[in-house]
Amino acid sequence: MKLKVLSGAALWLALISLAHVWWNVGFGNLAHRFEVLMGKERDELVVGFLPVT
């Protein structure tokens, strides 16, 4: 019984986290942020609607 509850809670947490990333962050943006973090790509800063590198 305990294992069933824990596995259900873990599945629920995974689904809620996945939905949050899907709707609020977006997988394309997440992949871009990861590339910037790893140093493969430079991030672009937007100041007053003008892109600044």
PDB file of N, CA and C in Angstrom:
ATOM      1  N   MET A   1       0.825  -1.194   0.000  1.00  0.00           N
ATOM      2  CA  MET A   1       0.000   0.000   0.000  1.00  0.00           C
ATOM      3  C   MET A   1       0.869   1.258   0.000  1.00  0.00           C
ATOM      4  N   LYS A   2       1.920   1.241   0.853  1.00  0.00           N
ATOM      5  CA  LYS A   2       2.804   2.390   0.955  1.00  0.00           C
ATOM      6  C   LYS A   2       3.518   2.654  -0.380  1.00  0.00           C
ATOM      7  N   LEU A   3       3.945   1.582  -1.024  1.00  0.00           N
ATOM      8  CA  LEU A   3       4.642   1.713  -2.307  1.00  0.00           C
ATOM      9  C   LEU A   3       3.718   2.299  -3.369  1.00  0.00           C
ATOM     10  N   LYS A   4       2.467   1.894  -3.337  1.00  0.00           N
ATOM     11  CA  LYS A   4       1.484   2.396  -4.299  1.00  0.00           C
ATOM     12  C   LYS A   4       1.254   3.899  -4.111  1.00  0.00           C
ATOM     13  N   VAL A   5       1.165   4.337  -2.879  1.00  0.00           N
ATOM     14  CA  VAL A   5       0.954   5.756  -2.584  1.00  0.00           C
ATOM     15  C   VAL A   5       2.190   6.561  -2.981  1.00  0.00           C
ATOM     16  N   LEU A   6       3.370   6.078  -2.630  1.00  0.00           N
ATOM     17  CA  LEU A   6       4.609   6.784  -2.970  1.00  0.00           C
ATOM     18  C   LEU A   6       4.834   6.859  -4.481  1.00  0.00           C
ATOM     19  N   SER A   7       4.559   5.783  -5.191  1.00  0.00           N
ATOM     20  CA  SER A   7       4.725   5.813  -6.641  1.00  0.00           C
ATOM     21  C   SER A   7       3.687   6.727  -7.294  1.00  0.00           C
ATOM     22  N   GLY A   8       2.480   6.753  -6.759  1.00  0.00           N
ATOM     23  CA  GLY A   8       1.459   7.668  -7.274  1.00  0.00           C
ATOM     24  C   GLY A   8       1.839   9.121  -7.029  1.00  0.00           C
ATOM     25  N   ALA A   9       2.382   9.411  -5.852  1.00  0.00           N
ATOM     26  CA  ALA A   9       2.819  10.770  -5.536  1.00  0.00           C
ATOM     27  C   ALA A   9       3.988  11.182  -6.429  1.00  0.00           C
ATOM     28  N   ALA A  10       4.918  10.280  -6.679  1.00  0.00           N
ATOM     29  CA  ALA A  10       6.048  10.578  -7.546  1.00  0.00           C
ATOM     30  C   ALA A  10       5.586  10.821  -8.986  1.00  0.00           C
ATOM     31  N   LEU A  11       4.641  10.033  -9.443  1.00  0.00           N
ATOM     32  CA  LEU A  11       4.096  10.215 -10.784  1.00  0.00           C
ATOM     33  C   LEU A  11       3.359  11.554 -10.884  1.00  0.00           C
ATOM     34  N   TRP A  12       2.583  11.890  -9.871  1.00  0.00           N
ATOM     35  CA  TRP A  12       1.867  13.165  -9.841  1.00  0.00           C
ATOM     36  C   TRP A  12       2.851  14.336  -9.870  1.00  0.00           C
ATOM     37  N   LEU A  13       3.909  14.266  -9.086  1.00  0.00           N
ATOM     38  CA  LEU A  13       4.921  15.319  -9.047  1.00  0.00           C
ATOM     39  C   LEU A  13       5.608  15.469 -10.402  1.00  0.00           C
ATOM     40  N   ALA A  14       5.915  14.351 -11.050  1.00  0.00           N
ATOM     41  CA  ALA A  14       6.550  14.396 -12.364  1.00  0.00           C
ATOM     42  C   ALA A  14       5.612  15.022 -13.397  1.00  0.00           C
ATOM     43  N   LEU A  15       4.344  14.663 -13.371  1.00  0.00           N
ATOM     44  CA  LEU A  15       3.392  15.217 -14.334  1.00  0.00           C
ATOM     45  C   LEU A  15       3.165  16.710 -14.115  1.00  0.00           C
ATOM     46  N   ILE A  16       3.055  17.134 -12.866  1.00  0.00           N
ATOM     47  CA  ILE A  16       2.865  18.551 -12.564  1.00  0.00           C
ATOM     48  C   ILE A  16       4.104  19.345 -12.981  1.00  0.00           C
ATOM     49  N   SER A  17       5.293  18.816 -12.724  1.00  0.00           N
ATOM     50  CA  SER A  17       6.531  19.498 -13.117  1.00  0.00           C
ATOM     51  C   SER A  17       6.638  19.595 -14.637  1.00  0.00           C
ATOM     52  N   LEU A  18       6.302  18.530 -15.325  1.00  0.00           N
ATOM     53  CA  LEU A  18       6.339  18.529 -16.783  1.00  0.00           C
ATOM     54  C   LEU A  18       5.339  19.522 -17.355  1.00  0.00           C
ATOM     55  N   ALA A  19       4.145  19.585 -16.792  1.00  0.00           N
ATOM     56  CA  ALA A  19       3.140  20.541 -17.260  1.00  0.00           C
ATOM     57  C   ALA A  19       3.596  21.970 -17.006  1.00  0.00           C
ATOM     58  N   HIS A  20       4.239  22.218 -15.878  1.00  0.00           N
ATOM     59  CA  HIS A  20       4.746  23.559 -15.576  1.00  0.00           C
ATOM     60  C   HIS A  20       5.791  23.987 -16.604  1.00  0.00           C
ATOM     61  N   VAL A  21       6.725  23.111 -16.905  1.00  0.00           N
ATOM     62  CA  VAL A  21       7.756  23.442 -17.895  1.00  0.00           C
ATOM     63  C   VAL A  21       7.131  23.628 -19.269  1.00  0.00           C
ATOM     64  N   TRP A  22       6.182  22.791 -19.603  1.00  0.00           N
ATOM     65  CA  TRP A  22       5.551  22.865 -20.925  1.00  0.00           C
ATOM     66  C   TRP A  22       4.806  24.189 -21.121  1.00  0.00           C
ATOM     67  N   TRP A  23       4.006  24.590 -20.134  1.00  0.00           N
ATOM     68  CA  TRP A  23       3.162  25.774 -20.292  1.00  0.00           C
ATOM     69  C   TRP A  23       3.852  27.076 -19.917  1.00  0.00           C
ATOM     70  N   ASN A  24       4.683  27.069 -18.880  1.00  0.00           N
ATOM     71  CA  ASN A  24       5.246  28.322 -18.381  1.00  0.00           C
ATOM     72  C   ASN A  24       6.644  28.621 -18.906  1.00  0.00           C
ATOM     73  N   VAL A  25       7.464  27.632 -19.074  1.00  0.00           N
ATOM     74  CA  VAL A  25       8.837  27.842 -19.504  1.00  0.00           C
ATOM     75  C   VAL A  25       8.974  27.557 -20.993  1.00  0.00           C
ATOM     76  N   GLY A  26       8.462  26.454 -21.432  1.00  0.00           N
ATOM     77  CA  GLY A  26       8.573  26.042 -22.826  1.00  0.00           C
ATOM     78  C   GLY A  26       9.857  25.260 -23.040  1.00  0.00           C
ATOM     79  N   PHE A  27       9.769  24.166 -23.762  1.00  0.00           N
ATOM     80  CA  PHE A  27      10.944  23.327 -23.968  1.00  0.00           C
ATOM     81  C   PHE A  27      11.971  23.993 -24.867  1.00  0.00           C
ATOM     82  N   GLY A  28      11.527  24.786 -25.846  1.00  0.00           N
ATOM     83  CA  GLY A  28      12.473  25.494 -26.713  1.00  0.00           C
ATOM     84  C   GLY A  28      13.282  26.499 -25.924  1.00  0.00           C
ATOM     85  N   ASN A  29      12.629  27.230 -25.060  1.00  0.00           N
ATOM     86  CA  ASN A  29      13.324  28.203 -24.227  1.00  0.00           C
ATOM     87  C   ASN A  29      14.239  27.505 -23.227  1.00  0.00           C
ATOM     88  N   LEU A  30      13.819  26.382 -22.696  1.00  0.00           N
ATOM     89  CA  LEU A  30      14.632  25.638 -21.744  1.00  0.00           C
ATOM     90  C   LEU A  30      15.899  25.119 -22.409  1.00  0.00           C
ATOM     91  N   ALA A  31      15.784  24.626 -23.641  1.00  0.00           N
ATOM     92  CA  ALA A  31      16.953  24.146 -24.378  1.00  0.00           C
ATOM     93  C   ALA A  31      17.905  25.304 -24.666  1.00  0.00           C
ATOM     94  N   HIS A  32      17.357  26.468 -25.020  1.00  0.00           N
ATOM     95  CA  HIS A  32      18.189  27.644 -25.284  1.00  0.00           C
ATOM     96  C   HIS A  32      18.927  28.073 -24.016  1.00  0.00           C
ATOM     97  N   ARG A  33      18.230  28.100 -22.887  1.00  0.00           N
ATOM     98  CA  ARG A  33      18.860  28.476 -21.617  1.00  0.00           C
ATOM     99  C   ARG A  33      19.969  27.503 -21.235  1.00  0.00           C
ATOM    100  N   PHE A  34      19.783  26.236 -21.519  1.00  0.00           N
ATOM    101  CA  PHE A  34      20.802  25.233 -21.224  1.00  0.00           C
ATOM    102  C   PHE A  34      22.044  25.462 -22.079  1.00  0.00           C
ATOM    103  N   GLU A  35      21.844  25.788 -23.368  1.00  0.00           N
ATOM    104  CA  GLU A  35      22.982  26.067 -24.245  1.00  0.00           C
ATOM    105  C   GLU A  35      23.737  27.303 -23.787  1.00  0.00           C
ATOM    106  N   VAL A  36      23.020  28.327 -23.334  1.00  0.00           N
ATOM    107  CA  VAL A  36      23.669  29.529 -22.808  1.00  0.00           C
ATOM    108  C   VAL A  36      24.442  29.187 -21.538  1.00  0.00           C
ATOM    109  N   LEU A  37      23.845  28.373 -20.679  1.00  0.00           N
ATOM    110  CA  LEU A  37      24.490  27.983 -19.433  1.00  0.00           C
ATOM    111  C   LEU A  37      25.776  27.196 -19.699  1.00  0.00           C
ATOM    112  N   MET A  38      25.764  26.345 -20.705  1.00  0.00           N
ATOM    113  CA  MET A  38      26.938  25.542 -21.023  1.00  0.00           C
ATOM    114  C   MET A  38      27.976  26.312 -21.839  1.00  0.00           C
ATOM    115  N   GLY A  39      27.652  27.520 -22.266  1.00  0.00           N
ATOM    116  CA  GLY A  39      28.607  28.340 -22.999  1.00  0.00           C
ATOM    117  C   GLY A  39      28.645  28.086 -24.491  1.00  0.00           C
ATOM    118  N   LYS A  40      27.683  27.362 -25.019  1.00  0.00           N
ATOM    119  CA  LYS A  40      27.651  27.084 -26.453  1.00  0.00           C
ATOM    120  C   LYS A  40      27.101  28.255 -27.245  1.00  0.00           C
ATOM    121  N   GLU A  41      26.327  29.101 -26.590  1.00  0.00           N
ATOM    122  CA  GLU A  41      25.671  30.216 -27.264  1.00  0.00           C
ATOM    123  C   GLU A  41      25.629  31.405 -26.311  1.00  0.00           C
ATOM    124  N   ARG A  42      25.729  32.619 -26.857  1.00  0.00           N
ATOM    125  CA  ARG A  42      25.630  33.816 -26.025  1.00  0.00           C
ATOM    126  C   ARG A  42      24.177  34.255 -25.933  1.00  0.00           C
ATOM    127  N   ASP A  43      23.810  34.717 -24.767  1.00  0.00           N
ATOM    128  CA  ASP A  43      22.452  35.191 -24.556  1.00  0.00           C
ATOM    129  C   ASP A  43      22.329  36.634 -25.032  1.00  0.00           C
ATOM    130  N   GLU A  44      21.152  37.007 -25.429  1.00  0.00           N
ATOM    131  CA  GLU A  44      20.888  38.362 -25.909  1.00  0.00           C
ATOM    132  C   GLU A  44      20.030  39.086 -24.880  1.00  0.00           C
ATOM    133  N   LEU A  45      20.495  40.244 -24.460  1.00  0.00           N
ATOM    134  CA  LEU A  45      19.761  41.052 -23.506  1.00  0.00           C
ATOM    135  C   LEU A  45      18.935  42.075 -24.259  1.00  0.00           C
ATOM    136  N   VAL A  46      17.689  42.256 -23.834  1.00  0.00           N
ATOM    137  CA  VAL A  46      16.813  43.225 -24.492  1.00  0.00           C
ATOM    138  C   VAL A  46      16.614  44.401 -23.546  1.00  0.00           C
ATOM    139  N   VAL A  47      17.044  45.583 -24.000  1.00  0.00           N
ATOM    140  CA  VAL A  47      16.905  46.805 -23.213  1.00  0.00           C
ATOM    141  C   VAL A  47      16.064  47.772 -24.013  1.00  0.00           C
ATOM    142  N   GLY A  48      14.915  48.126 -23.504  1.00  0.00           N
ATOM    143  CA  GLY A  48      14.045  49.075 -24.215  1.00  0.00           C
ATOM    144  C   GLY A  48      13.659  48.567 -25.592  1.00  0.00           C
ATOM    145  N   PHE A  49      13.367  47.297 -25.719  1.00  0.00           N
ATOM    146  CA  PHE A  49      12.958  46.636 -26.967  1.00  0.00           C
ATOM    147  C   PHE A  49      14.084  46.576 -27.997  1.00  0.00           C
ATOM    148  N   LEU A  50      15.327  46.873 -27.607  1.00  0.00           N
ATOM    149  CA  LEU A  50      16.479  46.790 -28.510  1.00  0.00           C
ATOM    150  C   LEU A  50      17.384  45.656 -28.026  1.00  0.00           C
ATOM    151  N   PRO A  51      17.741  44.742 -28.934  1.00  0.00           N
ATOM    152  CA  PRO A  51      18.631  43.645 -28.528  1.00  0.00           C
ATOM    153  C   PRO A  51      20.066  44.146 -28.283  1.00  0.00           C
ATOM    154  N   VAL A  52      20.652  43.714 -27.181  1.00  0.00           N
ATOM    155  CA  VAL A  52      22.012  44.093 -26.813  1.00  0.00           C
ATOM    156  C   VAL A  52      22.781  42.818 -26.537  1.00  0.00           C
ATOM    157  N   THR A  53      23.960  42.691 -27.128  1.00  0.00           N
ATOM    158  CA  THR A  53      24.769  41.490 -26.887  1.00  0.00           C
ATOM    159  C   THR A  53      25.920  41.773 -25.968  1.00  0.00           C
TER     160      THR A  53
END
